Structure formats: structure tokens, C-alpha cells
C-alpha atoms as a PDB file:
ATOM      1  CA  MET A   1      11.461 -19.929   9.275  1.00  0.00           C
ATOM      2  CA  VAL A   2      11.957 -16.174   9.183  1.00  0.00           C
ATOM      3  CA  THR A   3      15.242 -15.258   7.604  1.00  0.00           C
ATOM      4  CA  LEU A   4      16.768 -11.949   6.414  1.00  0.00           C
ATOM      5  CA  LYS A   5      16.061 -13.027   2.855  1.00  0.00           C
ATOM      6  CA  ASN A   6      12.389 -13.516   3.644  1.00  0.00           C
ATOM      7  CA  ILE A   7      12.169 -10.222   5.413  1.00  0.00           C
ATOM      8  CA  LEU A   8      13.615  -8.303   2.565  1.00  0.00           C
ATOM      9  CA  ALA A   9      11.824 -10.298  -0.237  1.00  0.00           C
ATOM     10  CA  PRO A  10       8.551  -8.226  -0.399  1.00  0.00           C
ATOM     11  CA  MET A  11      10.614  -5.091  -0.964  1.00  0.00           C
ATOM     12  CA  ARG A  12      12.156  -6.622  -4.103  1.00  0.00           C
ATOM     13  CA  MET A  13      15.587  -5.239  -3.241  1.00  0.00           C
ATOM     14  CA  PRO A  14      17.244  -5.946  -6.645  1.00  0.00           C
ATOM     15  CA  PHE A  15      14.708  -3.719  -8.385  1.00  0.00           C
ATOM     16  CA  LEU A  16      15.283  -0.732  -6.117  1.00  0.00           C
ATOM     17  CA  ILE A  17      18.329   0.346  -8.104  1.00  0.00           C
ATOM     18  CA  LEU A  18      15.832   1.981 -10.502  1.00  0.00           C
ATOM     19  CA  THR A  19      15.029   4.682  -7.912  1.00  0.00           C
ATOM     20  CA  PRO A  20      18.485   6.181  -7.453  1.00  0.00           C
ATOM     21  CA  ALA A  21      18.820   6.361 -11.227  1.00  0.00           C
ATOM     22  CA  SER A  22      15.640   8.638 -11.381  1.00  0.00           C
ATOM     23  CA  VAL A  23      16.648  10.638  -8.397  1.00  0.00           C
ATOM     24  CA  PHE A  24      20.130  11.099  -9.871  1.00  0.00           C
ATOM     25  CA  LEU A  25      18.395  12.551 -12.998  1.00  0.00           C
ATOM     26  CA  GLY A  26      16.558  15.008 -10.785  1.00  0.00           C
ATOM     27  CA  ILE A  27      19.719  15.986  -9.096  1.00  0.00           C
ATOM     28  CA  GLY A  28      21.338  16.542 -12.452  1.00  0.00           C
ATOM     29  CA  THR A  29      18.499  18.874 -13.649  1.00  0.00           C
ATOM     30  CA  ALA A  30      18.728  20.808 -10.368  1.00  0.00           C
ATOM     31  CA  VAL A  31      22.506  21.289 -10.582  1.00  0.00           C
ATOM     32  CA  TRP A  32      22.232  22.256 -14.274  1.00  0.00           C
ATOM     33  CA  THR A  33      19.586  24.896 -13.603  1.00  0.00           C
ATOM     34  CA  SER A  34      20.614  26.219 -10.113  1.00  0.00           C
ATOM     35  CA  GLY A  35      24.286  25.376  -9.703  1.00  0.00           C
ATOM     36  CA  SER A  36      24.194  23.769  -6.320  1.00  0.00           C
ATOM     37  CA  VAL A  37      21.968  21.667  -4.109  1.00  0.00           C
ATOM     38  CA  SER A  38      21.469  20.878  -0.457  1.00  0.00           C
ATOM     39  CA  ILE A  39      23.017  17.490   0.507  1.00  0.00           C
ATOM     40  CA  LEU A  40      20.388  17.138   3.216  1.00  0.00           C
ATOM     41  CA  PHE A  41      17.579  17.641   0.705  1.00  0.00           C
ATOM     42  CA  VAL A  42      19.220  15.207  -1.685  1.00  0.00           C
ATOM     43  CA  ALA A  43      19.319  12.544   1.051  1.00  0.00           C
ATOM     44  CA  LEU A  44      15.718  13.213   2.103  1.00  0.00           C
ATOM     45  CA  ALA A  45      14.502  13.051  -1.516  1.00  0.00           C
ATOM     46  CA  LEU A  46      16.279   9.679  -1.949  1.00  0.00           C
ATOM     47  CA  ILE A  47      14.773   8.355   1.233  1.00  0.00           C
ATOM     48  CA  GLY A  48      11.293   9.433   0.181  1.00  0.00           C
ATOM     49  CA  ALA A  49      11.688   7.996  -3.311  1.00  0.00           C
ATOM     50  CA  VAL A  50      13.130   4.601  -2.139  1.00  0.00           C
ATOM     51  CA  SER A  51      10.425   4.230   0.449  1.00  0.00           C
ATOM     52  CA  ALA A  52       7.770   4.932  -2.259  1.00  0.00           C
ATOM     53  CA  HIS A  53       9.286   2.171  -4.379  1.00  0.00           C
ATOM     54  CA  ILE A  54       9.382  -0.207  -1.390  1.00  0.00           C
ATOM     55  CA  SER A  55       5.731   0.646  -0.736  1.00  0.00           C
ATOM     56  CA  VAL A  56       4.465  -0.104  -4.229  1.00  0.00           C
ATOM     57  CA  ASN A  57       6.551  -3.357  -4.376  1.00  0.00           C
ATOM     58  CA  SER A  58       5.278  -4.648  -1.002  1.00  0.00           C
ATOM     59  CA  LEU A  59       1.675  -3.719  -1.574  1.00  0.00           C
ATOM     60  CA  ASN A  60       1.903  -5.428  -4.976  1.00  0.00           C
ATOM     61  CA  GLU A  61       3.183  -8.573  -3.241  1.00  0.00           C
ATOM     62  CA  TYR A  62       0.406  -8.451  -0.714  1.00  0.00           C
ATOM     63  CA  PHE A  63      -2.467  -7.751  -3.163  1.00  0.00           C
ATOM     64  CA  ASP A  64      -1.213 -10.335  -5.749  1.00  0.00           C
ATOM     65  CA  PHE A  65      -1.095 -12.969  -3.009  1.00  0.00           C
ATOM     66  CA  LYS A  66      -4.539 -12.095  -1.628  1.00  0.00           C
ATOM     67  CA  SER A  67      -6.082 -12.184  -5.165  1.00  0.00           C
ATOM     68  CA  GLY A  68      -4.522 -15.570  -5.851  1.00  0.00           C
ATOM     69  CA  LEU A  69      -2.566 -14.279  -8.827  1.00  0.00           C
ATOM     70  CA  ASP A  70       0.751 -15.304  -7.239  1.00  0.00           C
ATOM     71  CA  PHE A  71      -0.306 -18.951  -7.327  1.00  0.00           C
ATOM     72  CA  HIS A  72      -0.652 -18.881 -11.160  1.00  0.00           C
ATOM     73  CA  THR A  73       2.222 -16.544 -12.302  1.00  0.00           C
ATOM     74  CA  LYS A  74       5.236 -17.891 -14.149  1.00  0.00           C
ATOM     75  CA  ARG A  75       7.987 -16.161 -12.346  1.00  0.00           C
ATOM     76  CA  THR A  76      11.043 -14.892 -14.281  1.00  0.00           C
ATOM     77  CA  PRO A  77      14.063 -12.962 -12.940  1.00  0.00           C
ATOM     78  CA  PHE A  78      12.280  -9.812 -14.147  1.00  0.00           C
ATOM     79  CA  SER A  79       8.566 -10.478 -13.495  1.00  0.00           C
ATOM     80  CA  GLY A  80       6.073 -12.349 -11.399  1.00  0.00           C
ATOM     81  CA  GLY A  81       7.061 -11.001  -7.939  1.00  0.00           C
ATOM     82  CA  SER A  82       9.298 -12.558  -5.334  1.00  0.00           C
ATOM     83  CA  GLY A  83       7.129 -15.631  -4.712  1.00  0.00           C
ATOM     84  CA  ILE A  84       7.809 -15.317  -0.985  1.00  0.00           C
ATOM     85  CA  LEU A  85       4.182 -15.139   0.141  1.00  0.00           C
ATOM     86  CA  PRO A  86       2.932 -18.356  -1.596  1.00  0.00           C
ATOM     87  CA  GLU A  87       5.767 -20.116   0.174  1.00  0.00           C
ATOM     88  CA  ASN A  88       5.218 -18.328   3.455  1.00  0.00           C
ATOM     89  CA  PRO A  89       1.488 -17.276   3.753  1.00  0.00           C
ATOM     90  CA  GLU A  90       2.027 -16.125   7.287  1.00  0.00           C
ATOM     91  CA  MET A  91       4.061 -13.263   5.984  1.00  0.00           C
ATOM     92  CA  ALA A  92       1.208 -11.632   4.135  1.00  0.00           C
ATOM     93  CA  ARG A  93       0.440  -9.232   6.957  1.00  0.00           C
ATOM     94  CA  TYR A  94       4.101  -8.384   7.221  1.00  0.00           C
ATOM     95  CA  ALA A  95       4.167  -7.424   3.553  1.00  0.00           C
ATOM     96  CA  LEU A  96       1.162  -5.202   4.063  1.00  0.00           C
ATOM     97  CA  ALA A  97       2.797  -3.623   7.100  1.00  0.00           C
ATOM     98  CA  VAL A  98       5.971  -2.964   5.147  1.00  0.00           C
ATOM     99  CA  GLY A  99       3.974  -1.370   2.267  1.00  0.00           C
ATOM    100  CA  SER A 100       1.974   0.763   4.714  1.00  0.00           C
ATOM    101  CA  ALA A 101       4.937   1.860   6.824  1.00  0.00           C
ATOM    102  CA  SER A 102       7.025   2.927   3.774  1.00  0.00           C
ATOM    103  CA  PHE A 103       4.030   4.703   2.343  1.00  0.00           C
ATOM    104  CA  ALA A 104       3.810   6.625   5.595  1.00  0.00           C
ATOM    105  CA  LEU A 105       7.526   7.493   5.468  1.00  0.00           C
ATOM    106  CA  THR A 106       7.194   8.768   2.013  1.00  0.00           C
ATOM    107  CA  SER A 107       4.271  10.927   3.165  1.00  0.00           C
ATOM    108  CA  VAL A 108       6.243  12.290   6.079  1.00  0.00           C
ATOM    109  CA  VAL A 109       9.093  13.306   3.750  1.00  0.00           C
ATOM    110  CA  GLY A 110       6.618  14.871   1.369  1.00  0.00           C
ATOM    111  CA  ILE A 111       5.017  16.919   4.281  1.00  0.00           C
ATOM    112  CA  TYR A 112       8.432  18.175   5.264  1.00  0.00           C
ATOM    113  CA  PHE A 113       9.142  19.366   1.765  1.00  0.00           C
ATOM    114  CA  LEU A 114       5.725  20.996   1.675  1.00  0.00           C
ATOM    115  CA  ILE A 115       6.629  23.040   4.723  1.00  0.00           C
ATOM    116  CA  VAL A 116      10.083  24.100   3.530  1.00  0.00           C
ATOM    117  CA  ARG A 117       9.423  24.445  -0.226  1.00  0.00           C
ATOM    118  CA  GLY A 118       5.738  25.409  -0.454  1.00  0.00           C
ATOM    119  CA  TRP A 119       2.381  24.136  -1.561  1.00  0.00           C
ATOM    120  CA  LEU A 120       3.163  23.975  -5.270  1.00  0.00           C
ATOM    121  CA  LEU A 121       4.563  20.486  -4.487  1.00  0.00           C
ATOM    122  CA  LEU A 122       1.212  19.241  -3.239  1.00  0.00           C
ATOM    123  CA  PRO A 123      -0.439  18.182  -6.508  1.00  0.00           C
ATOM    124  CA  LEU A 124       2.625  16.274  -7.683  1.00  0.00           C
ATOM    125  CA  GLY A 125       2.895  14.593  -4.254  1.00  0.00           C
ATOM    126  CA  LEU A 126      -0.786  13.654  -3.960  1.00  0.00           C
ATOM    127  CA  ILE A 127      -0.974  12.070  -7.424  1.00  0.00           C
ATOM    128  CA  GLY A 128       2.278  10.276  -6.747  1.00  0.00           C
ATOM    129  CA  LEU A 129       0.941   8.785  -3.505  1.00  0.00           C
ATOM    130  CA  PHE A 130      -2.251   7.817  -5.306  1.00  0.00           C
ATOM    131  CA  VAL A 131      -0.343   5.909  -8.016  1.00  0.00           C
ATOM    132  CA  VAL A 132       1.645   4.133  -5.313  1.00  0.00           C
ATOM    133  CA  SER A 133      -1.429   3.003  -3.339  1.00  0.00           C
ATOM    134  CA  SER A 134      -3.728   2.252  -6.289  1.00  0.00           C
ATOM    135  CA  TYR A 135      -1.438   0.656  -8.844  1.00  0.00           C
ATOM    136  CA  THR A 136      -2.179  -3.039  -8.179  1.00  0.00           C
ATOM    137  CA  ILE A 137      -5.752  -2.862  -7.128  1.00  0.00           C
ATOM    138  CA  TRP A 138      -7.004  -0.369  -9.753  1.00  0.00           C
ATOM    139  CA  LEU A 139      -4.560   0.985 -12.311  1.00  0.00           C
ATOM    140  CA  THR A 140      -3.703  -2.470 -13.580  1.00  0.00           C
ATOM    141  CA  ARG A 141      -7.292  -2.779 -14.700  1.00  0.00           C
ATOM    142  CA  ASN A 142      -7.142   0.119 -17.129  1.00  0.00           C
ATOM    143  CA  PRO A 143      -4.814  -0.453 -20.235  1.00  0.00           C
ATOM    144  CA  LEU A 144      -3.784   3.152 -20.677  1.00  0.00           C
ATOM    145  CA  LEU A 145      -3.196   3.964 -16.994  1.00  0.00           C
ATOM    146  CA  CYS A 146      -1.429   0.648 -16.498  1.00  0.00           C
ATOM    147  CA  LEU A 147       0.938   1.545 -19.353  1.00  0.00           C
ATOM    148  CA  ILE A 148       1.871   5.113 -18.218  1.00  0.00           C
ATOM    149  CA  ALA A 149       1.567   4.849 -14.405  1.00  0.00           C
ATOM    150  CA  PRO A 150       5.086   3.403 -13.872  1.00  0.00           C
ATOM    151  CA  GLY A 151       6.562   6.008 -16.159  1.00  0.00           C
ATOM    152  CA  LEU A 152       4.717   8.774 -14.337  1.00  0.00           C
ATOM    153  CA  GLY A 153       5.956   7.430 -10.982  1.00  0.00           C
ATOM    154  CA  PHE A 154       9.668   6.951 -11.827  1.00  0.00           C
ATOM    155  CA  GLY A 155       9.833   9.715 -14.471  1.00  0.00           C
ATOM    156  CA  THR A 156       7.409  12.635 -14.071  1.00  0.00           C
ATOM    157  CA  PHE A 157       6.872  12.486 -10.274  1.00  0.00           C
ATOM    158  CA  MET A 158      10.285  11.322  -9.181  1.00  0.00           C
ATOM    159  CA  VAL A 159      12.481  13.418 -11.460  1.00  0.00           C
ATOM    160  CA  MET A 160      10.350  16.638 -11.358  1.00  0.00           C
ATOM    161  CA  GLY A 161       9.737  16.126  -7.572  1.00  0.00           C
ATOM    162  CA  THR A 162      13.378  15.765  -6.851  1.00  0.00           C
ATOM    163  CA  ASP A 163      14.225  18.769  -8.942  1.00  0.00           C
ATOM    164  CA  PHE A 164      11.440  20.807  -7.206  1.00  0.00           C
ATOM    165  CA  VAL A 165      12.593  19.996  -3.656  1.00  0.00           C
ATOM    166  CA  LEU A 166      16.189  20.857  -4.553  1.00  0.00           C
ATOM    167  CA  THR A 167      15.368  24.113  -6.413  1.00  0.00           C
ATOM    168  CA  GLY A 168      12.067  25.304  -5.040  1.00  0.00           C
ATOM    169  CA  SER A 169      10.364  25.528  -8.463  1.00  0.00           C
ATOM    170  CA  TYR A 170       9.393  23.558 -11.514  1.00  0.00           C
ATOM    171  CA  SER A 171      11.419  23.740 -14.654  1.00  0.00           C
ATOM    172  CA  SER A 172      11.078  22.776 -18.357  1.00  0.00           C
ATOM    173  CA  THR A 173      14.460  21.055 -18.078  1.00  0.00           C
ATOM    174  CA  ALA A 174      13.126  18.713 -15.364  1.00  0.00           C
ATOM    175  CA  PHE A 175       9.945  18.012 -17.382  1.00  0.00           C
ATOM    176  CA  ILE A 176      11.751  17.155 -20.605  1.00  0.00           C
ATOM    177  CA  THR A 177      14.386  15.212 -18.772  1.00  0.00           C
ATOM    178  CA  SER A 178      11.654  13.298 -16.961  1.00  0.00           C
ATOM    179  CA  LEU A 179      10.442  11.970 -20.232  1.00  0.00           C
ATOM    180  CA  VAL A 180      13.500   9.712 -20.481  1.00  0.00           C
ATOM    181  CA  PRO A 181      12.514   7.460 -17.535  1.00  0.00           C
ATOM    182  CA  PHE A 182       8.812   7.982 -18.374  1.00  0.00           C
ATOM    183  CA  PHE A 183       9.074   6.091 -21.598  1.00  0.00           C
ATOM    184  CA  LEU A 184      11.712   3.659 -20.411  1.00  0.00           C
ATOM    185  CA  VAL A 185      10.032   2.605 -17.177  1.00  0.00           C
ATOM    186  CA  SER A 186       6.622   2.389 -18.954  1.00  0.00           C
ATOM    187  CA  ASN A 187       8.394  -0.019 -21.343  1.00  0.00           C
ATOM    188  CA  LEU A 188       9.911  -1.949 -18.472  1.00  0.00           C
ATOM    189  CA  LEU A 189       6.535  -2.798 -16.954  1.00  0.00           C
ATOM    190  CA  LEU A 190       5.067  -3.305 -20.355  1.00  0.00           C
ATOM    191  CA  LEU A 191       7.669  -5.866 -21.286  1.00  0.00           C
ATOM    192  CA  ASN A 192       7.424  -7.503 -17.865  1.00  0.00           C
ATOM    193  CA  GLN A 193       3.836  -8.228 -18.467  1.00  0.00           C
ATOM    194  CA  PHE A 194       4.482 -10.482 -21.448  1.00  0.00           C
ATOM    195  CA  PRO A 195       5.142 -13.624 -19.369  1.00  0.00           C
ATOM    196  CA  ASP A 196       2.018 -13.020 -17.249  1.00  0.00           C
ATOM    197  CA  VAL A 197      -0.705 -12.447 -19.858  1.00  0.00           C
ATOM    198  CA  GLU A 198      -2.779 -15.555 -19.030  1.00  0.00           C
ATOM    199  CA  ALA A 199      -2.478 -15.271 -15.223  1.00  0.00           C
ATOM    200  CA  ASP A 200      -3.124 -11.536 -15.265  1.00  0.00           C
ATOM    201  CA  HIS A 201      -6.233 -11.986 -17.510  1.00  0.00           C
ATOM    202  CA  ASN A 202      -7.647 -14.562 -15.201  1.00  0.00           C
ATOM    203  CA  ALA A 203      -7.080 -12.258 -12.244  1.00  0.00           C
ATOM    204  CA  GLY A 204      -9.037  -9.466 -13.839  1.00  0.00           C
ATOM    205  CA  ARG A 205      -6.174  -7.280 -15.028  1.00  0.00           C
ATOM    206  CA  ARG A 206      -6.479  -5.345 -18.387  1.00  0.00           C
ATOM    207  CA  HIS A 207      -3.181  -4.236 -19.754  1.00  0.00           C
ATOM    208  CA  LEU A 208      -2.104  -3.898 -23.347  1.00  0.00           C
ATOM    209  CA  PRO A 209      -0.549  -7.310 -23.792  1.00  0.00           C
ATOM    210  CA  ILE A 210      -3.947  -8.776 -22.714  1.00  0.00           C
ATOM    211  CA  LEU A 211      -6.021  -6.253 -24.759  1.00  0.00           C
ATOM    212  CA  ILE A 212      -4.035  -6.200 -28.107  1.00  0.00           C
ATOM    213  CA  GLY A 213      -1.625  -9.099 -27.722  1.00  0.00           C
ATOM    214  CA  VAL A 214       2.109  -9.227 -27.129  1.00  0.00           C
ATOM    215  CA  ARG A 215       3.025  -8.728 -30.915  1.00  0.00           C
ATOM    216  CA  LYS A 216       1.238  -5.444 -31.190  1.00  0.00           C
ATOM    217  CA  SER A 217       2.474  -4.402 -27.827  1.00  0.00           C
ATOM    218  CA  CYS A 218       6.029  -4.682 -29.131  1.00  0.00           C
ATOM    219  CA  LEU A 219       5.149  -1.772 -31.475  1.00  0.00           C
ATOM    220  CA  ILE A 220       4.249   0.299 -28.466  1.00  0.00           C
ATOM    221  CA  TYR A 221       7.493  -0.717 -26.869  1.00  0.00           C
ATOM    222  CA  GLY A 222       9.479   0.301 -30.044  1.00  0.00           C
ATOM    223  CA  ILE A 223       7.612   3.718 -30.197  1.00  0.00           C
ATOM    224  CA  PHE A 224       8.425   4.466 -26.555  1.00  0.00           C
ATOM    225  CA  LEU A 225      12.040   3.520 -27.128  1.00  0.00           C
ATOM    226  CA  LEU A 226      12.209   6.028 -30.056  1.00  0.00           C
ATOM    227  CA  LEU A 227      10.551   8.773 -27.993  1.00  0.00           C
ATOM    228  CA  THR A 228      13.116   8.310 -25.276  1.00  0.00           C
ATOM    229  CA  TYR A 229      15.872   9.392 -27.602  1.00  0.00           C
ATOM    230  CA  VAL A 230      13.761  11.989 -29.315  1.00  0.00           C
ATOM    231  CA  SER A 231      13.190  13.573 -25.854  1.00  0.00           C
ATOM    232  CA  ILE A 232      16.992  13.871 -25.400  1.00  0.00           C
ATOM    233  CA  ILE A 233      17.556  15.365 -28.801  1.00  0.00           C
ATOM    234  CA  VAL A 234      14.665  17.816 -28.442  1.00  0.00           C
ATOM    235  CA  GLY A 235      15.893  18.864 -24.978  1.00  0.00           C
ATOM    236  CA  ILE A 236      19.341  19.656 -26.299  1.00  0.00           C
ATOM    237  CA  TYR A 237      17.907  21.407 -29.458  1.00  0.00           C
ATOM    238  CA  LEU A 238      15.785  23.645 -27.279  1.00  0.00           C
ATOM    239  CA  HIS A 239      18.745  24.312 -25.005  1.00  0.00           C
ATOM    240  CA  TYR A 240      16.996  22.773 -21.937  1.00  0.00           C
ATOM    241  CA  LEU A 241      19.704  20.140 -21.717  1.00  0.00           C
ATOM    242  CA  PRO A 242      23.494  20.602 -22.190  1.00  0.00           C
ATOM    243  CA  GLN A 243      25.159  18.966 -25.273  1.00  0.00           C
ATOM    244  CA  PHE A 244      26.920  16.647 -22.902  1.00  0.00           C
ATOM    245  CA  SER A 245      23.648  14.921 -22.368  1.00  0.00           C
ATOM    246  CA  LEU A 246      24.018  13.432 -25.843  1.00  0.00           C
ATOM    247  CA  ILE A 247      25.980  10.679 -24.152  1.00  0.00           C
ATOM    248  CA  GLY A 248      22.537   9.247 -23.220  1.00  0.00           C
ATOM    249  CA  LEU A 249      22.202   8.286 -26.943  1.00  0.00           C
ATOM    250  CA  CYS A 250      24.975   5.770 -26.443  1.00  0.00           C
ATOM    251  CA  THR A 251      22.442   3.228 -25.305  1.00  0.00           C
ATOM    252  CA  ILE A 252      20.897   3.162 -28.821  1.00  0.00           C
ATOM    253  CA  GLY A 253      23.519   0.412 -29.453  1.00  0.00           C
ATOM    254  CA  ILE A 254      21.599  -1.689 -26.856  1.00  0.00           C
ATOM    255  CA  ALA A 255      18.168  -0.347 -27.699  1.00  0.00           C
ATOM    256  CA  VAL A 256      18.071  -1.571 -31.360  1.00  0.00           C
ATOM    257  CA  PRO A 257      19.020  -5.263 -30.757  1.00  0.00           C
ATOM    258  CA  THR A 258      16.799  -5.225 -27.711  1.00  0.00           C
ATOM    259  CA  PHE A 259      13.805  -4.105 -29.758  1.00  0.00           C
ATOM    260  CA  LEU A 260      14.506  -6.657 -32.501  1.00  0.00           C
ATOM    261  CA  GLY A 261      14.897  -9.434 -30.023  1.00  0.00           C
ATOM    262  CA  VAL A 262      11.650  -8.526 -28.162  1.00  0.00           C
ATOM    263  CA  TYR A 263       9.734  -8.387 -31.492  1.00  0.00           C
ATOM    264  CA  ARG A 264      11.088 -11.656 -32.670  1.00  0.00           C
ATOM    265  CA  TYR A 265      10.659 -13.608 -29.452  1.00  0.00           C
ATOM    266  CA  SER A 266       7.604 -11.839 -27.898  1.00  0.00           C
ATOM    267  CA  GLU A 267       5.730 -15.120 -27.808  1.00  0.00           C
ATOM    268  CA  ASN A 268       8.762 -17.304 -26.645  1.00  0.00           C
ATOM    269  CA  ILE A 269       9.360 -16.352 -23.040  1.00  0.00           C
ATOM    270  CA  GLN A 270      12.528 -18.430 -22.699  1.00  0.00           C
ATOM    271  CA  LYS A 271      14.209 -16.747 -25.661  1.00  0.00           C
ATOM    272  CA  LEU A 272      12.812 -13.395 -24.573  1.00  0.00           C
ATOM    273  CA  MET A 273      14.704 -13.480 -21.241  1.00  0.00           C
ATOM    274  CA  PRO A 274      18.092 -12.141 -22.490  1.00  0.00           C
ATOM    275  CA  TYR A 275      16.335  -9.166 -24.093  1.00  0.00           C
ATOM    276  CA  MET A 276      14.412  -8.470 -20.864  1.00  0.00           C
ATOM    277  CA  GLY A 277      17.866  -8.332 -19.279  1.00  0.00           C
ATOM    278  CA  LEU A 278      19.115  -5.903 -21.857  1.00  0.00           C
ATOM    279  CA  ASN A 279      15.999  -3.776 -21.385  1.00  0.00           C
ATOM    280  CA  VAL A 280      16.849  -3.468 -17.633  1.00  0.00           C
ATOM    281  CA  ILE A 281      20.307  -2.149 -18.658  1.00  0.00           C
ATOM    282  CA  LEU A 282      18.678   0.379 -20.925  1.00  0.00           C
ATOM    283  CA  VAL A 283      16.302   1.544 -18.247  1.00  0.00           C
ATOM    284  CA  ILE A 284      19.171   2.153 -15.679  1.00  0.00           C
ATOM    285  CA  ALA A 285      22.046   3.243 -17.953  1.00  0.00           C
ATOM    286  CA  THR A 286      20.220   5.855 -20.096  1.00  0.00           C
ATOM    287  CA  PRO A 287      19.006   8.127 -17.278  1.00  0.00           C
ATOM    288  CA  VAL A 288      22.414   7.836 -15.521  1.00  0.00           C
ATOM    289  CA  LEU A 289      24.187   8.889 -18.653  1.00  0.00           C
ATOM    290  CA  VAL A 290      21.839  11.781 -19.267  1.00  0.00           C
ATOM    291  CA  ALA A 291      22.275  12.885 -15.584  1.00  0.00           C
ATOM    292  CA  SER A 292      26.017  12.696 -15.962  1.00  0.00           C
ATOM    293  CA  GLY A 293      25.822  14.963 -18.959  1.00  0.00           C
ATOM    294  CA  LEU A 294      23.768  17.416 -16.935  1.00  0.00           C
ATOM    295  CA  LEU A 295      26.339  17.422 -14.130  1.00  0.00           C
ATOM    296  CA  ILE A 296      29.255  17.832 -16.539  1.00  0.00           C
ATOM    297  CA  GLY A 297      27.186  20.591 -18.169  1.00  0.00           C
END
């Protein structure tokens, strides 16, 4: 039976909150460097970013179902997909259609901005589209690319792309600021791979928890957490960020116990769950706080 819940499931709606946080950060850097932005361009940038996120989610649902991975994954509130396709196999083509249509919408928005802002946006846009379309079928089979691709998508491409379409140029402020979601979102996907090590390995994936184990992967997680806050401090020290962006450091109070819990319970998925939840709060709250500091300026 087709229901609204089933229709929305491949899009993974609860996870889409990550996109506005990254776009908000790009808006913050644009306001900080240029003083004002176009509301129309803000809306279009958000539409393009959300549709890109829907595309990668829906394509991931489709390809994980077709590969058989969905039938062996242990789902958690934070990982393992929606589970809608194993329960409703007839919706596989729908998931593919959603992924393709949202990919096309992102492309159309990108073409519009190429026309009004210039061709310097093209390399960023093309690489971003490549990451969206190839993440599940190719990037997840390379440990390094699998680690950094999510951060590039939601950090480098989304923040710098938003800043570019709002200002018409690239800036050091946008680059340094984009490092915050780069490290945090890379960590988000890294941690979400912990429950799926066995299933992913059997499906041919090769990410760090498979390659070096979850315990050693915790050290990468901790380093990326540290680099998140180092990026904020360096940005302020070099005057690329306003001092008000220091409020982004407030989430250190969550980051420390999260890292300790992740390290302690990395091999106990049930006890790891609360710390995966705290990690989601970190990933959303830190960019929003930094963006707020940029807007207060």
C-alpha cells in the first residue's frame, strides 16, 4: 500500500536538516564578507542543496537494495537506510526516479547560477554532482574517498558553493568555514558505518572501519573533531572569521563526552547509540553556531 510515509521514505526526510545547516553557514560567510545577499539566490541555493541531498539519499536507497545490502544491514536510527525497499520492492524504480529527478533539479539550479554568476562555479558544481551520483556505487569502495566525500559534499561544495552564488566569488572565509562541516560530516558518516561493518564488507565496500577496525577508526574520529575546533580558532586568529564565531566552540562540551563514549563503546552498538545521537547534535549545532557568529559579526 502506497502511503505518504512510503513516498517520503527514500528521501530520508529526518536527515535533510543537515543541508540547511550547511547552507546557513554559506549565507553567514556571504553576509560577513559582502554585507547583504539576494533572498532569491538564497532560496535557489537551498533548493539546489536540498535536492542534491535527496538525490544522494534516494540513489543510496536504490543501489543498496539492488546490491542486496539492505537485506543484511542492521538498521539503527542513524544508519542502515530507511528499510522501505526490502519491505516494498515495487518501490525500487520510484526511488531511482526520485534520485534522478532531484539530481536533475540540482543541475538546473547549477546551470542557472552558471549563467548569472559565471563559469568559475563550474568545477565546484561538476565535482559536487559527481560525488552525488557516484558515492554509493564507487566512492564507498575507496577508504579515503569514502571518508572525505561526505565532508566535501556538505562542507567544501555546499558552503563554498552557497557563498559563491551569493557573492560572485570565492573567499578564504568560505573555505576555512567550510572545514567545520567538512570534518563533522565526514565524522558523521564514519561513525554511522560502525554498525554496518560486516554487511558492508560482504557487499564489497571498503571504508575505514572495515580496513582498520572500529577501534582505530575512533582515533580518526577524534582527530577530525579536534580539527573542527582548530579550524574555527585559526579562522578567527587570521581574521577570516569574526570573534563572535567563537560560540561554535560551545559544542566542545558535547564533543568530549561523545568521543569518550564512541571510543569506549565502539564495539557495542547498543551502548553506542546515545553517542551517535550526540554526534548528530554536534554536526548540526556547531555550523549553526558558527554561522550565527558570522551574522552577528
